[in-house]
PDB file of N, CA and C in Angstrom:
ATOM      1  N   MET A   1     112.023 122.674  58.719  1.00  0.00           N
ATOM      2  CA  MET A   1     112.945 121.999  57.826  1.00  0.00           C
ATOM      3  C   MET A   1     113.061 120.522  58.182  1.00  0.00           C
ATOM      4  N   GLU A   2     112.357 120.110  59.208  1.00  0.00           N
ATOM      5  CA  GLU A   2     112.378 118.704  59.602  1.00  0.00           C
ATOM      6  C   GLU A   2     111.899 117.805  58.465  1.00  0.00           C
ATOM      7  N   ASP A   3     110.863 118.239  57.770  1.00  0.00           N
ATOM      8  CA  ASP A   3     110.324 117.462  56.653  1.00  0.00           C
ATOM      9  C   ASP A   3     111.326 117.358  55.504  1.00  0.00           C
ATOM     10  N   VAL A   4     112.101 118.405  55.276  1.00  0.00           N
ATOM     11  CA  VAL A   4     113.099 118.399  54.214  1.00  0.00           C
ATOM     12  C   VAL A   4     114.227 117.430  54.561  1.00  0.00           C
ATOM     13  N   GLU A   5     114.650 117.427  55.811  1.00  0.00           N
ATOM     14  CA  GLU A   5     115.699 116.495  56.244  1.00  0.00           C
ATOM     15  C   GLU A   5     115.213 115.052  56.111  1.00  0.00           C
ATOM     16  N   LEU A   6     113.961 114.810  56.466  1.00  0.00           N
ATOM     17  CA  LEU A   6     113.387 113.468  56.318  1.00  0.00           C
ATOM     18  C   LEU A   6     113.371 113.062  54.849  1.00  0.00           C
ATOM     19  N   PHE A   7     112.988 113.978  53.981  1.00  0.00           N
ATOM     20  CA  PHE A   7     112.995 113.711  52.543  1.00  0.00           C
ATOM     21  C   PHE A   7     114.407 113.348  52.081  1.00  0.00           C
ATOM     22  N   CYS A   8     115.380 114.149  52.475  1.00  0.00           N
ATOM     23  CA  CYS A   8     116.765 113.909  52.054  1.00  0.00           C
ATOM     24  C   CYS A   8     117.265 112.555  52.543  1.00  0.00           C
ATOM     25  N   LYS A   9     116.888 112.194  53.735  1.00  0.00           N
ATOM     26  CA  LYS A   9     117.311 110.912  54.288  1.00  0.00           C
ATOM     27  C   LYS A   9     116.631 109.761  53.553  1.00  0.00           C
ATOM     28  N   HIS A  10     115.337 109.900  53.313  1.00  0.00           N
ATOM     29  CA  HIS A  10     114.559 108.842  52.668  1.00  0.00           C
ATOM     30  C   HIS A  10     114.975 108.640  51.209  1.00  0.00           C
ATOM     31  N   PHE A  11     115.232 109.728  50.500  1.00  0.00           N
ATOM     32  CA  PHE A  11     115.564 109.642  49.077  1.00  0.00           C
ATOM     33  C   PHE A  11     117.062 109.778  48.811  1.00  0.00           C
ATOM     34  N   ARG A  12     117.859 109.821  49.849  1.00  0.00           N
ATOM     35  CA  ARG A  12     119.314 109.877  49.738  1.00  0.00           C
ATOM     36  C   ARG A  12     119.793 110.957  48.762  1.00  0.00           C
ATOM     37  N   VAL A  13     119.496 112.168  49.077  1.00  0.00           N
ATOM     38  CA  VAL A  13     119.960 113.303  48.273  1.00  0.00           C
ATOM     39  C   VAL A  13     121.473 113.411  48.464  1.00  0.00           C
ATOM     40  N   SER A  14     122.202 113.404  47.375  1.00  0.00           N
ATOM     41  CA  SER A  14     123.666 113.421  47.469  1.00  0.00           C
ATOM     42  C   SER A  14     124.162 114.729  48.076  1.00  0.00           C
ATOM     43  N   LYS A  15     125.331 114.670  48.677  1.00  0.00           N
ATOM     44  CA  LYS A  15     125.893 115.865  49.308  1.00  0.00           C
ATOM     45  C   LYS A  15     126.233 116.941  48.290  1.00  0.00           C
ATOM     46  N   HIS A  16     126.375 116.557  47.030  1.00  0.00           N
ATOM     47  CA  HIS A  16     126.668 117.538  45.980  1.00  0.00           C
ATOM     48  C   HIS A  16     125.395 118.266  45.523  1.00  0.00           C
ATOM     49  N   VAL A  17     124.277 117.591  45.606  1.00  0.00           N
ATOM     50  CA  VAL A  17     123.003 118.148  45.151  1.00  0.00           C
ATOM     51  C   VAL A  17     122.272 118.881  46.282  1.00  0.00           C
ATOM     52  N   LYS A  18     122.513 118.455  47.496  1.00  0.00           N
ATOM     53  CA  LYS A  18     121.744 118.966  48.636  1.00  0.00           C
ATOM     54  C   LYS A  18     121.771 120.496  48.776  1.00  0.00           C
ATOM     55  N   PRO A  19     122.921 121.174  48.636  1.00  0.00           N
ATOM     56  CA  PRO A  19     122.886 122.635  48.781  1.00  0.00           C
ATOM     57  C   PRO A  19     121.950 123.317  47.773  1.00  0.00           C
ATOM     58  N   PHE A  20     121.962 122.854  46.534  1.00  0.00           N
ATOM     59  CA  PHE A  20     121.071 123.442  45.524  1.00  0.00           C
ATOM     60  C   PHE A  20     119.620 123.101  45.837  1.00  0.00           C
ATOM     61  N   PHE A  21     119.369 121.863  46.236  1.00  0.00           N
ATOM     62  CA  PHE A  21     118.028 121.434  46.623  1.00  0.00           C
ATOM     63  C   PHE A  21     117.498 122.318  47.754  1.00  0.00           C
ATOM     64  N   LEU A  22     118.306 122.530  48.783  1.00  0.00           N
ATOM     65  CA  LEU A  22     117.880 123.364  49.916  1.00  0.00           C
ATOM     66  C   LEU A  22     117.666 124.806  49.490  1.00  0.00           C
ATOM     67  N   ARG A  23     118.504 125.302  48.587  1.00  0.00           N
ATOM     68  CA  ARG A  23     118.338 126.665  48.062  1.00  0.00           C
ATOM     69  C   ARG A  23     116.977 126.812  47.398  1.00  0.00           C
ATOM     70  N   LEU A  24     116.582 125.818  46.605  1.00  0.00           N
ATOM     71  CA  LEU A  24     115.285 125.874  45.928  1.00  0.00           C
ATOM     72  C   LEU A  24     114.135 125.783  46.920  1.00  0.00           C
ATOM     73  N   VAL A  25     114.209 124.833  47.841  1.00  0.00           N
ATOM     74  CA  VAL A  25     113.127 124.651  48.817  1.00  0.00           C
ATOM     75  C   VAL A  25     112.952 125.909  49.660  1.00  0.00           C
ATOM     76  N   GLU A  26     114.047 126.404  50.204  1.00  0.00           N
ATOM     77  CA  GLU A  26     113.968 127.593  51.059  1.00  0.00           C
ATOM     78  C   GLU A  26     113.523 128.821  50.270  1.00  0.00           C
ATOM     79  N   GLY A  27     114.001 128.953  49.034  1.00  0.00           N
ATOM     80  CA  GLY A  27     113.627 130.092  48.205  1.00  0.00           C
ATOM     81  C   GLY A  27     112.159 130.094  47.837  1.00  0.00           C
ATOM     82  N   VAL A  28     111.648 128.933  47.466  1.00  0.00           N
ATOM     83  CA  VAL A  28     110.222 128.845  47.117  1.00  0.00           C
ATOM     84  C   VAL A  28     109.367 129.159  48.345  1.00  0.00           C
ATOM     85  N   LYS A  29     109.769 128.635  49.496  1.00  0.00           N
ATOM     86  CA  LYS A  29     109.011 128.930  50.723  1.00  0.00           C
ATOM     87  C   LYS A  29     109.020 130.424  51.032  1.00  0.00           C
ATOM     88  N   GLU A  30     110.189 131.037  50.928  1.00  0.00           N
ATOM     89  CA  GLU A  30     110.325 132.451  51.276  1.00  0.00           C
ATOM     90  C   GLU A  30     109.533 133.361  50.335  1.00  0.00           C
ATOM     91  N   PHE A  31     109.558 133.043  49.055  1.00  0.00           N
ATOM     92  CA  PHE A  31     108.941 133.929  48.059  1.00  0.00           C
ATOM     93  C   PHE A  31     107.635 133.381  47.487  1.00  0.00           C
ATOM     94  N   GLN A  32     107.042 132.403  48.145  1.00  0.00           N
ATOM     95  CA  GLN A  32     105.838 131.760  47.606  1.00  0.00           C
ATOM     96  C   GLN A  32     104.703 132.726  47.289  1.00  0.00           C
ATOM     97  N   PRO A  33     104.408 133.716  48.120  1.00  0.00           N
ATOM     98  CA  PRO A  33     103.320 134.641  47.746  1.00  0.00           C
ATOM     99  C   PRO A  33     103.584 135.354  46.414  1.00  0.00           C
ATOM    100  N   ASP A  34     104.813 135.820  46.201  1.00  0.00           N
ATOM    101  CA  ASP A  34     105.152 136.499  44.945  1.00  0.00           C
ATOM    102  C   ASP A  34     105.121 135.523  43.769  1.00  0.00           C
ATOM    103  N   ILE A  35     105.652 134.330  43.995  1.00  0.00           N
ATOM    104  CA  ILE A  35     105.681 133.301  42.952  1.00  0.00           C
ATOM    105  C   ILE A  35     104.260 132.929  42.553  1.00  0.00           C
ATOM    106  N   ASP A  36     103.420 132.667  43.558  1.00  0.00           N
ATOM    107  CA  ASP A  36     102.029 132.284  43.268  1.00  0.00           C
ATOM    108  C   ASP A  36     101.278 133.393  42.555  1.00  0.00           C
ATOM    109  N   SER A  37     101.572 134.620  42.918  1.00  0.00           N
ATOM    110  CA  SER A  37     100.922 135.752  42.256  1.00  0.00           C
ATOM    111  C   SER A  37     101.258 135.777  40.763  1.00  0.00           C
ATOM    112  N   LEU A  38     102.517 135.530  40.425  1.00  0.00           N
ATOM    113  CA  LEU A  38     102.907 135.495  39.010  1.00  0.00           C
ATOM    114  C   LEU A  38     102.249 134.329  38.277  1.00  0.00           C
ATOM    115  N   ILE A  39     102.231 133.174  38.900  1.00  0.00           N
ATOM    116  CA  ILE A  39     101.598 132.012  38.261  1.00  0.00           C
ATOM    117  C   ILE A  39     100.117 132.291  38.023  1.00  0.00           C
ATOM    118  N   LYS A  40      99.440 132.839  39.021  1.00  0.00           N
ATOM    119  CA  LYS A  40      98.014 133.176  38.863  1.00  0.00           C
ATOM    120  C   LYS A  40      97.807 134.171  37.722  1.00  0.00           C
ATOM    121  N   HIS A  41      98.667 135.172  37.675  1.00  0.00           N
ATOM    122  CA  HIS A  41      98.527 136.218  36.652  1.00  0.00           C
ATOM    123  C   HIS A  41      98.613 135.641  35.236  1.00  0.00           C
ATOM    124  N   PHE A  42      99.499 134.679  35.028  1.00  0.00           N
ATOM    125  CA  PHE A  42      99.711 134.143  33.685  1.00  0.00           C
ATOM    126  C   PHE A  42      98.930 132.864  33.392  1.00  0.00           C
ATOM    127  N   SER A  43      98.111 132.422  34.322  1.00  0.00           N
ATOM    128  CA  SER A  43      97.284 131.237  34.080  1.00  0.00           C
ATOM    129  C   SER A  43      95.830 131.681  33.966  1.00  0.00           C
ATOM    130  N   GLU A  44      95.396 131.861  32.749  1.00  0.00           N
ATOM    131  CA  GLU A  44      94.046 132.346  32.504  1.00  0.00           C
ATOM    132  C   GLU A  44      93.025 131.297  32.932  1.00  0.00           C
ATOM    133  N   ASN A  45      92.051 131.740  33.705  1.00  0.00           N
ATOM    134  CA  ASN A  45      90.931 130.900  34.130  1.00  0.00           C
ATOM    135  C   ASN A  45      91.340 129.696  34.972  1.00  0.00           C
ATOM    136  N   TRP A  46      92.481 129.751  35.623  1.00  0.00           N
ATOM    137  CA  TRP A  46      92.919 128.664  36.494  1.00  0.00           C
ATOM    138  C   TRP A  46      93.238 129.211  37.877  1.00  0.00           C
ATOM    139  N   LYS A  47      92.678 128.578  38.892  1.00  0.00           N
ATOM    140  CA  LYS A  47      93.059 128.885  40.263  1.00  0.00           C
ATOM    141  C   LYS A  47      94.177 127.922  40.637  1.00  0.00           C
ATOM    142  N   LEU A  48      95.063 128.366  41.496  1.00  0.00           N
ATOM    143  CA  LEU A  48      96.157 127.491  41.934  1.00  0.00           C
ATOM    144  C   LEU A  48      95.618 126.185  42.504  1.00  0.00           C
ATOM    145  N   SER A  49      94.538 126.273  43.234  1.00  0.00           N
ATOM    146  CA  SER A  49      93.973 125.076  43.872  1.00  0.00           C
ATOM    147  C   SER A  49      93.447 124.063  42.853  1.00  0.00           C
ATOM    148  N   ARG A  50      93.141 124.503  41.643  1.00  0.00           N
ATOM    149  CA  ARG A  50      92.653 123.594  40.598  1.00  0.00           C
ATOM    150  C   ARG A  50      93.776 122.941  39.800  1.00  0.00           C
ATOM    151  N   MET A  51      94.984 123.492  39.908  1.00  0.00           N
ATOM    152  CA  MET A  51      96.124 122.933  39.177  1.00  0.00           C
ATOM    153  C   MET A  51      96.585 121.651  39.862  1.00  0.00           C
ATOM    154  N   SER A  52      97.133 120.748  39.070  1.00  0.00           N
ATOM    155  CA  SER A  52      97.684 119.545  39.692  1.00  0.00           C
ATOM    156  C   SER A  52      98.859 119.947  40.576  1.00  0.00           C
ATOM    157  N   ARG A  53      99.080 119.174  41.610  1.00  0.00           N
ATOM    158  CA  ARG A  53     100.186 119.478  42.526  1.00  0.00           C
ATOM    159  C   ARG A  53     101.520 119.453  41.805  1.00  0.00           C
ATOM    160  N   VAL A  54     101.674 118.526  40.889  1.00  0.00           N
ATOM    161  CA  VAL A  54     102.921 118.444  40.133  1.00  0.00           C
ATOM    162  C   VAL A  54     103.135 119.729  39.348  1.00  0.00           C
ATOM    163  N   ASP A  55     102.145 120.112  38.555  1.00  0.00           N
ATOM    164  CA  ASP A  55     102.270 121.321  37.729  1.00  0.00           C
ATOM    165  C   ASP A  55     102.541 122.552  38.592  1.00  0.00           C
ATOM    166  N   ARG A  56     101.756 122.713  39.638  1.00  0.00           N
ATOM    167  CA  ARG A  56     101.867 123.890  40.500  1.00  0.00           C
ATOM    168  C   ARG A  56     103.254 123.973  41.138  1.00  0.00           C
ATOM    169  N   ASN A  57     103.744 122.873  41.679  1.00  0.00           N
ATOM    170  CA  ASN A  57     105.023 122.924  42.380  1.00  0.00           C
ATOM    171  C   ASN A  57     106.213 122.994  41.436  1.00  0.00           C
ATOM    172  N   VAL A  58     106.102 122.368  40.285  1.00  0.00           N
ATOM    173  CA  VAL A  58     107.161 122.492  39.283  1.00  0.00           C
ATOM    174  C   VAL A  58     107.253 123.946  38.822  1.00  0.00           C
ATOM    175  N   MET A  59     106.116 124.579  38.613  1.00  0.00           N
ATOM    176  CA  MET A  59     106.139 125.984  38.197  1.00  0.00           C
ATOM    177  C   MET A  59     106.667 126.885  39.303  1.00  0.00           C
ATOM    178  N   ARG A  60     106.351 126.570  40.551  1.00  0.00           N
ATOM    179  CA  ARG A  60     106.879 127.381  41.655  1.00  0.00           C
ATOM    180  C   ARG A  60     108.407 127.367  41.657  1.00  0.00           C
ATOM    181  N   ILE A  61     108.967 126.186  41.478  1.00  0.00           N
ATOM    182  CA  ILE A  61     110.429 126.078  41.456  1.00  0.00           C
ATOM    183  C   ILE A  61     110.994 126.861  40.272  1.00  0.00           C
ATOM    184  N   ALA A  62     110.400 126.682  39.103  1.00  0.00           N
ATOM    185  CA  ALA A  62     110.899 127.364  37.908  1.00  0.00           C
ATOM    186  C   ALA A  62     110.769 128.881  38.031  1.00  0.00           C
ATOM    187  N   VAL A  63     109.658 129.360  38.566  1.00  0.00           N
ATOM    188  CA  VAL A  63     109.494 130.812  38.734  1.00  0.00           C
ATOM    189  C   VAL A  63     110.517 131.338  39.740  1.00  0.00           C
ATOM    190  N   TYR A  64     110.757 130.593  40.804  1.00  0.00           N
ATOM    191  CA  TYR A  64     111.800 131.002  41.748  1.00  0.00           C
ATOM    192  C   TYR A  64     113.135 131.138  41.010  1.00  0.00           C
ATOM    193  N   GLU A  65     113.465 130.138  40.190  1.00  0.00           N
ATOM    194  CA  GLU A  65     114.717 130.194  39.433  1.00  0.00           C
ATOM    195  C   GLU A  65     114.742 131.402  38.495  1.00  0.00           C
ATOM    196  N   LEU A  66     113.630 131.669  37.826  1.00  0.00           N
ATOM    197  CA  LEU A  66     113.567 132.817  36.914  1.00  0.00           C
ATOM    198  C   LEU A  66     113.793 134.131  37.662  1.00  0.00           C
ATOM    199  N   LEU A  67     113.265 134.217  38.865  1.00  0.00           N
ATOM    200  CA  LEU A  67     113.365 135.458  39.639  1.00  0.00           C
ATOM    201  C   LEU A  67     114.683 135.623  40.383  1.00  0.00           C
ATOM    202  N   HIS A  68     115.239 134.518  40.886  1.00  0.00           N
ATOM    203  CA  HIS A  68     116.318 134.637  41.857  1.00  0.00           C
ATOM    204  C   HIS A  68     117.594 133.853  41.551  1.00  0.00           C
ATOM    205  N   CYS A  69     117.639 133.148  40.457  1.00  0.00           N
ATOM    206  CA  CYS A  69     118.826 132.340  40.144  1.00  0.00           C
ATOM    207  C   CYS A  69     119.442 132.812  38.835  1.00  0.00           C
ATOM    208  N   ASP A  70     120.205 133.866  38.910  1.00  0.00           N
ATOM    209  CA  ASP A  70     120.839 134.425  37.713  1.00  0.00           C
ATOM    210  C   ASP A  70     121.832 133.466  37.069  1.00  0.00           C
ATOM    211  N   ASP A  71     122.264 132.464  37.822  1.00  0.00           N
ATOM    212  CA  ASP A  71     123.225 131.493  37.300  1.00  0.00           C
ATOM    213  C   ASP A  71     122.557 130.403  36.452  1.00  0.00           C
ATOM    214  N   ILE A  72     121.231 130.437  36.358  1.00  0.00           N
ATOM    215  CA  ILE A  72     120.505 129.448  35.557  1.00  0.00           C
ATOM    216  C   ILE A  72     119.817 130.187  34.405  1.00  0.00           C
ATOM    217  N   PRO A  73     120.142 129.841  33.168  1.00  0.00           N
ATOM    218  CA  PRO A  73     119.460 130.492  32.038  1.00  0.00           C
ATOM    219  C   PRO A  73     117.953 130.207  32.078  1.00  0.00           C
ATOM    220  N   PRO A  74     117.134 131.213  31.796  1.00  0.00           N
ATOM    221  CA  PRO A  74     115.681 131.035  31.848  1.00  0.00           C
ATOM    222  C   PRO A  74     115.177 129.838  31.038  1.00  0.00           C
ATOM    223  N   LYS A  75     115.729 129.634  29.852  1.00  0.00           N
ATOM    224  CA  LYS A  75     115.249 128.531  29.018  1.00  0.00           C
ATOM    225  C   LYS A  75     115.550 127.176  29.650  1.00  0.00           C
ATOM    226  N   VAL A  76     116.631 127.092  30.413  1.00  0.00           N
ATOM    227  CA  VAL A  76     116.959 125.844  31.114  1.00  0.00           C
ATOM    228  C   VAL A  76     115.906 125.575  32.190  1.00  0.00           C
ATOM    229  N   SER A  77     115.571 126.599  32.973  1.00  0.00           N
ATOM    230  CA  SER A  77     114.539 126.438  34.011  1.00  0.00           C
ATOM    231  C   SER A  77     113.217 126.003  33.403  1.00  0.00           C
ATOM    232  N   ILE A  78     112.840 126.641  32.320  1.00  0.00           N
ATOM    233  CA  ILE A  78     111.561 126.321  31.673  1.00  0.00           C
ATOM    234  C   ILE A  78     111.589 124.918  31.073  1.00  0.00           C
ATOM    235  N   ASN A  79     112.649 124.580  30.354  1.00  0.00           N
ATOM    236  CA  ASN A  79     112.716 123.252  29.739  1.00  0.00           C
ATOM    237  C   ASN A  79     112.724 122.137  30.776  1.00  0.00           C
ATOM    238  N   GLU A  80     113.437 122.328  31.878  1.00  0.00           N
ATOM    239  CA  GLU A  80     113.445 121.307  32.922  1.00  0.00           C
ATOM    240  C   GLU A  80     112.068 121.168  33.558  1.00  0.00           C
ATOM    241  N   ALA A  81     111.394 122.283  33.774  1.00  0.00           N
ATOM    242  CA  ALA A  81     110.043 122.230  34.340  1.00  0.00           C
ATOM    243  C   ALA A  81     109.093 121.487  33.400  1.00  0.00           C
ATOM    244  N   ILE A  82     109.197 121.761  32.118  1.00  0.00           N
ATOM    245  CA  ILE A  82     108.353 121.078  31.133  1.00  0.00           C
ATOM    246  C   ILE A  82     108.638 119.577  31.155  1.00  0.00           C
ATOM    247  N   ASP A  83     109.901 119.205  31.167  1.00  0.00           N
ATOM    248  CA  ASP A  83     110.267 117.786  31.178  1.00  0.00           C
ATOM    249  C   ASP A  83     109.741 117.077  32.426  1.00  0.00           C
ATOM    250  N   ILE A  84     109.866 117.715  33.582  1.00  0.00           N
ATOM    251  CA  ILE A  84     109.359 117.115  34.816  1.00  0.00           C
ATOM    252  C   ILE A  84     107.839 116.998  34.760  1.00  0.00           C
ATOM    253  N   GLY A  85     107.181 118.048  34.251  1.00  0.00           N
ATOM    254  CA  GLY A  85     105.726 118.008  34.115  1.00  0.00           C
ATOM    255  C   GLY A  85     105.265 116.879  33.211  1.00  0.00           C
ATOM    256  N   LYS A  86     105.955 116.701  32.096  1.00  0.00           N
ATOM    257  CA  LYS A  86     105.603 115.623  31.172  1.00  0.00           C
ATOM    258  C   LYS A  86     105.797 114.254  31.817  1.00  0.00           C
ATOM    259  N   ARG A  87     106.855 114.133  32.602  1.00  0.00           N
ATOM    260  CA  ARG A  87     107.180 112.835  33.190  1.00  0.00           C
ATOM    261  C   ARG A  87     106.254 112.473  34.357  1.00  0.00           C
ATOM    262  N   PHE A  88     105.932 113.456  35.196  1.00  0.00           N
ATOM    263  CA  PHE A  88     105.192 113.157  36.416  1.00  0.00           C
ATOM    264  C   PHE A  88     103.775 113.732  36.449  1.00  0.00           C
ATOM    265  N   GLY A  89     103.424 114.538  35.455  1.00  0.00           N
ATOM    266  CA  GLY A  89     102.095 115.145  35.426  1.00  0.00           C
ATOM    267  C   GLY A  89     101.182 114.444  34.435  1.00  0.00           C
ATOM    268  N   THR A  90     100.307 115.211  33.839  1.00  0.00           N
ATOM    269  CA  THR A  90      99.362 114.668  32.872  1.00  0.00           C
ATOM    270  C   THR A  90      99.911 114.866  31.464  1.00  0.00           C
ATOM    271  N   GLU A  91      99.196 114.367  30.478  1.00  0.00           N
ATOM    272  CA  GLU A  91      99.658 114.538  29.095  1.00  0.00           C
ATOM    273  C   GLU A  91      99.623 115.999  28.659  1.00  0.00           C
ATOM    274  N   ASP A  92      98.839 116.815  29.348  1.00  0.00           N
ATOM    275  CA  ASP A  92      98.751 118.243  29.026  1.00  0.00           C
ATOM    276  C   ASP A  92      99.705 119.111  29.850  1.00  0.00           C
ATOM    277  N   SER A  93     100.393 118.522  30.804  1.00  0.00           N
ATOM    278  CA  SER A  93     101.228 119.306  31.721  1.00  0.00           C
ATOM    279  C   SER A  93     102.316 120.099  31.005  1.00  0.00           C
ATOM    280  N   GLY A  94     102.984 119.493  30.046  1.00  0.00           N
ATOM    281  CA  GLY A  94     104.079 120.177  29.370  1.00  0.00           C
ATOM    282  C   GLY A  94     103.636 121.478  28.725  1.00  0.00           C
ATOM    283  N   ALA A  95     102.559 121.424  27.972  1.00  0.00           N
ATOM    284  CA  ALA A  95     102.056 122.625  27.295  1.00  0.00           C
ATOM    285  C   ALA A  95     101.547 123.658  28.299  1.00  0.00           C
ATOM    286  N   PHE A  96     100.874 123.186  29.336  1.00  0.00           N
ATOM    287  CA  PHE A  96     100.333 124.076  30.359  1.00  0.00           C
ATOM    288  C   PHE A  96     101.471 124.818  31.064  1.00  0.00           C
ATOM    289  N   ILE A  97     102.469 124.084  31.511  1.00  0.00           N
ATOM    290  CA  ILE A  97     103.617 124.673  32.196  1.00  0.00           C
ATOM    291  C   ILE A  97     104.367 125.621  31.273  1.00  0.00           C
ATOM    292  N   ASN A  98     104.579 125.208  30.036  1.00  0.00           N
ATOM    293  CA  ASN A  98     105.287 126.044  29.072  1.00  0.00           C
ATOM    294  C   ASN A  98     104.570 127.376  28.864  1.00  0.00           C
ATOM    295  N   GLY A  99     103.276 127.346  28.688  1.00  0.00           N
ATOM    296  CA  GLY A  99     102.521 128.576  28.443  1.00  0.00           C
ATOM    297  C   GLY A  99     102.650 129.576  29.580  1.00  0.00           C
ATOM    298  N   ILE A 100     102.525 129.095  30.797  1.00  0.00           N
ATOM    299  CA  ILE A 100     102.600 129.996  31.954  1.00  0.00           C
ATOM    300  C   ILE A 100     104.022 130.505  32.164  1.00  0.00           C
ATOM    301  N   LEU A 101     104.989 129.601  32.139  1.00  0.00           N
ATOM    302  CA  LEU A 101     106.373 130.021  32.387  1.00  0.00           C
ATOM    303  C   LEU A 101     106.910 130.927  31.293  1.00  0.00           C
ATOM    304  N   ASP A 102     106.496 130.694  30.063  1.00  0.00           N
ATOM    305  CA  ASP A 102     106.949 131.572  28.991  1.00  0.00           C
ATOM    306  C   ASP A 102     106.378 132.974  29.177  1.00  0.00           C
ATOM    307  N   GLY A 103     105.145 133.065  29.628  1.00  0.00           N
ATOM    308  CA  GLY A 103     104.566 134.373  29.928  1.00  0.00           C
ATOM    309  C   GLY A 103     105.334 135.094  31.026  1.00  0.00           C
ATOM    310  N   VAL A 104     105.703 134.358  32.065  1.00  0.00           N
ATOM    311  CA  VAL A 104     106.502 134.937  33.152  1.00  0.00           C
ATOM    312  C   VAL A 104     107.852 135.402  32.608  1.00  0.00           C
ATOM    313  N   ARG A 105     108.506 134.554  31.823  1.00  0.00           N
ATOM    314  CA  ARG A 105     109.825 134.892  31.266  1.00  0.00           C
ATOM    315  C   ARG A 105     109.765 136.160  30.423  1.00  0.00           C
ATOM    316  N   ILE A 106     108.804 136.236  29.529  1.00  0.00           N
ATOM    317  CA  ILE A 106     108.671 137.407  28.652  1.00  0.00           C
ATOM    318  C   ILE A 106     108.437 138.671  29.477  1.00  0.00           C
ATOM    319  N   SER A 107     107.591 138.569  30.484  1.00  0.00           N
ATOM    320  CA  SER A 107     107.305 139.711  31.342  1.00  0.00           C
ATOM    321  C   SER A 107     108.562 140.175  32.079  1.00  0.00           C
ATOM    322  N   LEU A 108     109.328 139.231  32.595  1.00  0.00           N
ATOM    323  CA  LEU A 108     110.551 139.589  33.316  1.00  0.00           C
ATOM    324  C   LEU A 108     111.588 140.197  32.377  1.00  0.00           C
ATOM    325  N   GLU A 109     111.674 139.691  31.167  1.00  0.00           N
ATOM    326  CA  GLU A 109     112.624 140.248  30.189  1.00  0.00           C
ATOM    327  C   GLU A 109     112.251 141.677  29.820  1.00  0.00           C
ATOM    328  N   LYS A 110     110.961 141.964  29.726  1.00  0.00           N
ATOM    329  CA  LYS A 110     110.522 143.323  29.413  1.00  0.00           C
ATOM    330  C   LYS A 110     110.858 144.284  30.546  1.00  0.00           C
ATOM    331  N   GLU A 111     110.767 143.783  31.796  1.00  0.00           N
ATOM    332  CA  GLU A 111     111.082 144.612  32.950  1.00  0.00           C
ATOM    333  C   GLU A 111     112.574 144.860  33.086  1.00  0.00           C
ATOM    334  N   ASN A 112     113.375 143.878  32.692  1.00  0.00           N
ATOM    335  CA  ASN A 112     114.828 143.958  32.861  1.00  0.00           C
ATOM    336  C   ASN A 112     115.544 143.661  31.546  1.00  0.00           C
ATOM    337  N   PRO A 113     115.358 144.482  30.519  1.00  0.00           N
ATOM    338  CA  PRO A 113     116.036 144.195  29.258  1.00  0.00           C
ATOM    339  C   PRO A 113     117.553 144.343  29.404  1.00  0.00           C
ATOM    340  N   LEU A 114     118.272 143.496  28.691  1.00  0.00           N
ATOM    341  CA  LEU A 114     119.741 143.542  28.767  1.00  0.00           C
ATOM    342  C   LEU A 114     120.317 144.646  27.943  1.00  0.00           C
TER     343      LEU A 114
END
């Protein structure tokens, strides 16, 4: 967690945001094998190593939220991931991220219908 503390210090993560930030970082680290497996499953003909770092990591965070953050509506997680991808990724990032995350969302809804 030394690297996370350095990040927080360098980018001045506010004390109000830091607990949620740490929850996401720790959650993605803990469940990364499961998260990556879902991303691989819904990304046809793409290996994780071929995806841009922005796309891959934005999707990891969003999939973690879809799986483990019941307090965040799925569409919010997906829309935020798409927006971040568009802003920091390539011109195709938004559509790419949307396609994979929507597949994950639909699959999870089928497994756990309300």
